[in-house]
Amino acid sequence: MVKGIFKVVSCSDVFTLQKNSENGGHFKKRTLVLQELGGQYEDKFVCSCLGNNAECAFYENDLVYAAIRFTTSNHEGKTYQDVLVTEVFKINN
């Protein structure tokens, strides 16, 4: 897990997905591109925000505190990586 202050590069619109369960239900998702501070060539991360985190509106150049979790999974011989924002808070107006 990586925690720190990041600059928002872009923020997608919120969209709703259906849960894969017998009870059904829905959850919200948004994609954020976050960049480490320091300069234009610092590392960037394309992250998914789910649930309550997805409902927060972020704009280009906002500074945020975020906790980012990296996970991998294997499916049919291929490895996939998920980058998930577990916490995110705007720290400027």
N, C-alpha and C. Protein backbone atom coordinates (compact mmCIF):
# COMPACT_ATOMS: atom_id res chain seq x y z
N MET A 1 0.85 -1.17 0.00
CA MET A 1 0.00 0.00 0.00
C MET A 1 0.89 1.23 0.00
N VAL A 2 0.49 2.22 -0.77
CA VAL A 2 1.19 3.49 -0.85
C VAL A 2 0.26 4.57 -0.30
N LYS A 3 0.79 5.40 0.60
CA LYS A 3 0.01 6.51 1.15
C LYS A 3 0.79 7.78 0.92
N GLY A 4 0.08 8.86 0.59
CA GLY A 4 0.77 10.11 0.41
C GLY A 4 -0.11 11.17 -0.21
N ILE A 5 0.55 12.27 -0.57
CA ILE A 5 -0.14 13.39 -1.21
C ILE A 5 0.12 13.30 -2.71
N PHE A 6 -0.94 13.42 -3.48
CA PHE A 6 -0.88 13.29 -4.92
C PHE A 6 -1.61 14.46 -5.58
N LYS A 7 -1.26 14.72 -6.84
CA LYS A 7 -1.98 15.69 -7.65
C LYS A 7 -2.94 14.92 -8.55
N VAL A 8 -4.17 15.41 -8.68
CA VAL A 8 -5.15 14.79 -9.57
C VAL A 8 -4.84 15.23 -11.00
N VAL A 9 -4.59 14.27 -11.87
CA VAL A 9 -4.34 14.54 -13.28
C VAL A 9 -5.66 14.54 -14.03
N SER A 10 -6.52 13.57 -13.73
CA SER A 10 -7.85 13.52 -14.33
C SER A 10 -8.78 12.70 -13.45
N CYS A 11 -10.08 12.91 -13.67
CA CYS A 11 -11.11 12.23 -12.89
C CYS A 11 -12.28 11.93 -13.82
N SER A 12 -12.65 10.67 -13.90
CA SER A 12 -13.76 10.30 -14.78
C SER A 12 -15.09 10.60 -14.11
N ASP A 13 -16.15 10.51 -14.89
CA ASP A 13 -17.50 10.62 -14.34
C ASP A 13 -17.79 9.36 -13.52
N VAL A 14 -18.70 9.49 -12.58
CA VAL A 14 -19.14 8.34 -11.78
C VAL A 14 -20.08 7.49 -12.62
N PHE A 15 -19.92 6.17 -12.51
CA PHE A 15 -20.87 5.28 -13.16
C PHE A 15 -21.24 4.18 -12.19
N THR A 16 -22.35 3.53 -12.45
CA THR A 16 -22.89 2.52 -11.55
C THR A 16 -22.71 1.14 -12.16
N LEU A 17 -22.25 0.20 -11.34
CA LEU A 17 -22.07 -1.19 -11.75
C LEU A 17 -22.95 -2.08 -10.91
N GLN A 18 -23.34 -3.21 -11.47
CA GLN A 18 -24.14 -4.17 -10.73
C GLN A 18 -23.22 -5.15 -10.02
N LYS A 19 -23.55 -5.47 -8.77
CA LYS A 19 -22.77 -6.43 -8.00
C LYS A 19 -22.99 -7.83 -8.54
N ASN A 20 -21.99 -8.67 -8.41
CA ASN A 20 -22.11 -10.08 -8.80
C ASN A 20 -22.52 -10.90 -7.59
N SER A 21 -23.78 -10.83 -7.24
CA SER A 21 -24.28 -11.61 -6.11
C SER A 21 -25.76 -11.91 -6.32
N GLU A 22 -26.25 -12.84 -5.54
CA GLU A 22 -27.66 -13.21 -5.65
C GLU A 22 -28.58 -12.07 -5.22
N ASN A 23 -28.13 -11.25 -4.28
CA ASN A 23 -28.96 -10.15 -3.77
C ASN A 23 -29.01 -8.97 -4.74
N GLY A 24 -28.16 -9.00 -5.74
CA GLY A 24 -28.13 -7.88 -6.67
C GLY A 24 -27.50 -6.67 -6.03
N GLY A 25 -28.02 -5.52 -6.32
CA GLY A 25 -27.48 -4.29 -5.77
C GLY A 25 -26.53 -3.64 -6.75
N HIS A 26 -26.13 -2.45 -6.42
CA HIS A 26 -25.27 -1.67 -7.28
C HIS A 26 -24.19 -0.99 -6.46
N PHE A 27 -23.11 -0.60 -7.11
CA PHE A 27 -22.11 0.22 -6.47
C PHE A 27 -21.58 1.21 -7.48
N LYS A 28 -21.03 2.30 -6.98
CA LYS A 28 -20.53 3.37 -7.84
C LYS A 28 -19.02 3.21 -8.03
N LYS A 29 -18.55 3.65 -9.19
CA LYS A 29 -17.13 3.57 -9.51
C LYS A 29 -16.71 4.81 -10.27
N ARG A 30 -15.49 5.22 -10.04
CA ARG A 30 -14.89 6.38 -10.73
C ARG A 30 -13.41 6.04 -10.92
N THR A 31 -12.82 6.54 -11.98
CA THR A 31 -11.39 6.34 -12.22
C THR A 31 -10.65 7.66 -12.02
N LEU A 32 -9.59 7.60 -11.22
CA LEU A 32 -8.73 8.75 -10.97
C LEU A 32 -7.34 8.48 -11.52
N VAL A 33 -6.72 9.47 -12.10
CA VAL A 33 -5.31 9.40 -12.43
C VAL A 33 -4.61 10.33 -11.45
N LEU A 34 -3.75 9.74 -10.62
CA LEU A 34 -3.04 10.48 -9.59
C LEU A 34 -1.55 10.49 -9.90
N GLN A 35 -0.90 11.62 -9.59
CA GLN A 35 0.54 11.75 -9.85
C GLN A 35 1.25 12.14 -8.57
N GLU A 36 2.40 11.51 -8.34
CA GLU A 36 3.22 11.90 -7.20
C GLU A 36 3.72 13.32 -7.39
N LEU A 37 3.97 14.01 -6.29
CA LEU A 37 4.44 15.39 -6.37
C LEU A 37 5.92 15.43 -6.70
N GLY A 38 6.35 16.52 -7.34
CA GLY A 38 7.77 16.70 -7.61
C GLY A 38 8.08 17.23 -8.99
N GLY A 39 7.24 16.97 -9.96
CA GLY A 39 7.51 17.45 -11.31
C GLY A 39 6.63 16.74 -12.31
N GLN A 40 6.73 17.17 -13.57
CA GLN A 40 5.83 16.62 -14.58
C GLN A 40 6.12 15.18 -14.95
N TYR A 41 7.30 14.66 -14.61
CA TYR A 41 7.66 13.29 -14.97
C TYR A 41 7.56 12.31 -13.81
N GLU A 42 6.94 12.72 -12.71
CA GLU A 42 6.76 11.82 -11.57
C GLU A 42 5.79 10.70 -11.94
N ASP A 43 5.83 9.62 -11.17
CA ASP A 43 4.98 8.46 -11.45
C ASP A 43 3.51 8.82 -11.36
N LYS A 44 2.73 8.21 -12.26
CA LYS A 44 1.27 8.37 -12.28
C LYS A 44 0.63 7.01 -12.06
N PHE A 45 -0.54 7.02 -11.46
CA PHE A 45 -1.29 5.80 -11.18
C PHE A 45 -2.72 5.97 -11.66
N VAL A 46 -3.22 5.00 -12.41
CA VAL A 46 -4.63 4.97 -12.79
C VAL A 46 -5.33 4.11 -11.76
N CYS A 47 -6.22 4.71 -10.98
CA CYS A 47 -6.81 4.07 -9.81
C CYS A 47 -8.32 4.02 -9.92
N SER A 48 -8.90 2.99 -9.33
CA SER A 48 -10.35 2.88 -9.21
C SER A 48 -10.77 3.35 -7.84
N CYS A 49 -11.85 4.13 -7.79
CA CYS A 49 -12.49 4.54 -6.54
C CYS A 49 -13.86 3.87 -6.52
N LEU A 50 -14.19 3.22 -5.42
CA LEU A 50 -15.46 2.52 -5.31
C LEU A 50 -16.29 3.07 -4.17
N GLY A 51 -17.61 2.91 -4.27
CA GLY A 51 -18.52 3.27 -3.19
C GLY A 51 -18.49 4.74 -2.84
N ASN A 52 -18.33 5.05 -1.53
CA ASN A 52 -18.33 6.43 -1.07
C ASN A 52 -17.18 7.24 -1.65
N ASN A 53 -16.01 6.60 -1.85
CA ASN A 53 -14.88 7.31 -2.45
C ASN A 53 -15.20 7.78 -3.86
N ALA A 54 -16.03 7.05 -4.57
CA ALA A 54 -16.38 7.41 -5.95
C ALA A 54 -17.32 8.62 -6.00
N GLU A 55 -18.01 8.89 -4.94
CA GLU A 55 -18.97 9.99 -4.95
C GLU A 55 -18.33 11.35 -4.73
N CYS A 56 -17.07 11.37 -4.33
CA CYS A 56 -16.36 12.64 -4.15
C CYS A 56 -15.92 13.18 -5.50
N ALA A 57 -16.15 14.46 -5.74
CA ALA A 57 -15.76 15.08 -7.01
C ALA A 57 -14.35 15.65 -6.88
N PHE A 58 -13.50 15.32 -7.83
CA PHE A 58 -12.14 15.83 -7.88
C PHE A 58 -11.92 16.49 -9.23
N TYR A 59 -11.04 17.47 -9.24
CA TYR A 59 -10.76 18.23 -10.45
C TYR A 59 -9.26 18.25 -10.72
N GLU A 60 -8.91 18.49 -11.96
CA GLU A 60 -7.51 18.54 -12.35
C GLU A 60 -6.74 19.51 -11.45
N ASN A 61 -5.57 19.08 -11.01
CA ASN A 61 -4.65 19.83 -10.15
C ASN A 61 -5.07 19.91 -8.69
N ASP A 62 -6.18 19.28 -8.29
CA ASP A 62 -6.49 19.18 -6.87
C ASP A 62 -5.38 18.39 -6.19
N LEU A 63 -5.07 18.75 -4.95
CA LEU A 63 -4.16 17.95 -4.14
C LEU A 63 -5.00 17.08 -3.23
N VAL A 64 -4.63 15.80 -3.16
CA VAL A 64 -5.38 14.85 -2.33
C VAL A 64 -4.41 14.01 -1.52
N TYR A 65 -4.88 13.58 -0.36
CA TYR A 65 -4.19 12.53 0.39
C TYR A 65 -4.88 11.24 -0.01
N ALA A 66 -4.12 10.24 -0.42
CA ALA A 66 -4.72 8.98 -0.84
C ALA A 66 -3.92 7.80 -0.33
N ALA A 67 -4.64 6.72 -0.06
CA ALA A 67 -4.04 5.42 0.23
C ALA A 67 -4.39 4.53 -0.96
N ILE A 68 -3.37 4.00 -1.62
CA ILE A 68 -3.55 3.22 -2.84
C ILE A 68 -3.09 1.79 -2.59
N ARG A 69 -3.95 0.83 -2.91
CA ARG A 69 -3.64 -0.59 -2.72
C ARG A 69 -3.44 -1.25 -4.08
N PHE A 70 -2.36 -2.00 -4.21
CA PHE A 70 -2.05 -2.72 -5.43
C PHE A 70 -2.27 -4.21 -5.19
N THR A 71 -3.06 -4.85 -6.03
CA THR A 71 -3.29 -6.29 -5.92
C THR A 71 -3.18 -6.92 -7.30
N THR A 72 -2.89 -8.20 -7.33
CA THR A 72 -2.87 -8.94 -8.59
C THR A 72 -3.73 -10.17 -8.45
N SER A 73 -4.22 -10.65 -9.59
CA SER A 73 -4.98 -11.90 -9.62
C SER A 73 -4.64 -12.62 -10.92
N ASN A 74 -4.80 -13.92 -10.90
CA ASN A 74 -4.56 -14.74 -12.08
C ASN A 74 -5.87 -15.31 -12.58
N HIS A 75 -6.05 -15.27 -13.88
CA HIS A 75 -7.25 -15.83 -14.50
C HIS A 75 -6.86 -16.41 -15.85
N GLU A 76 -7.09 -17.69 -16.01
CA GLU A 76 -6.79 -18.40 -17.25
C GLU A 76 -5.36 -18.15 -17.73
N GLY A 77 -4.42 -18.23 -16.80
CA GLY A 77 -3.01 -18.11 -17.14
C GLY A 77 -2.50 -16.70 -17.33
N LYS A 78 -3.32 -15.70 -17.12
CA LYS A 78 -2.90 -14.31 -17.25
C LYS A 78 -2.96 -13.63 -15.90
N THR A 79 -2.06 -12.70 -15.68
CA THR A 79 -2.01 -11.94 -14.43
C THR A 79 -2.54 -10.54 -14.67
N TYR A 80 -3.43 -10.11 -13.78
CA TYR A 80 -4.04 -8.78 -13.87
C TYR A 80 -3.72 -8.01 -12.60
N GLN A 81 -3.53 -6.70 -12.75
CA GLN A 81 -3.27 -5.85 -11.59
C GLN A 81 -4.42 -4.88 -11.39
N ASP A 82 -4.83 -4.73 -10.14
CA ASP A 82 -5.85 -3.75 -9.76
C ASP A 82 -5.17 -2.70 -8.89
N VAL A 83 -5.51 -1.44 -9.15
CA VAL A 83 -5.01 -0.33 -8.34
C VAL A 83 -6.25 0.35 -7.77
N LEU A 84 -6.42 0.24 -6.46
CA LEU A 84 -7.64 0.69 -5.80
C LEU A 84 -7.32 1.76 -4.77
N VAL A 85 -8.07 2.85 -4.81
CA VAL A 85 -7.96 3.89 -3.79
C VAL A 85 -8.83 3.47 -2.61
N THR A 86 -8.20 3.23 -1.46
CA THR A 86 -8.95 2.81 -0.28
C THR A 86 -9.36 4.00 0.59
N GLU A 87 -8.61 5.10 0.51
CA GLU A 87 -8.95 6.35 1.20
C GLU A 87 -8.55 7.49 0.29
N VAL A 88 -9.35 8.54 0.27
CA VAL A 88 -8.97 9.72 -0.49
C VAL A 88 -9.65 10.95 0.12
N PHE A 89 -8.85 12.00 0.34
CA PHE A 89 -9.36 13.24 0.94
C PHE A 89 -8.75 14.42 0.19
N LYS A 90 -9.57 15.36 -0.20
CA LYS A 90 -9.08 16.58 -0.83
C LYS A 90 -8.45 17.45 0.22
N ILE A 91 -7.27 18.01 -0.07
CA ILE A 91 -6.59 18.83 0.94
C ILE A 91 -6.45 20.28 0.53
N ASN A 92 -7.06 20.66 -0.61
CA ASN A 92 -7.10 22.08 -0.99
C ASN A 92 -8.47 22.39 -1.56
N ASN A 93 -8.79 23.65 -1.71
CA ASN A 93 -10.11 24.03 -2.22
C ASN A 93 -10.07 24.22 -3.69
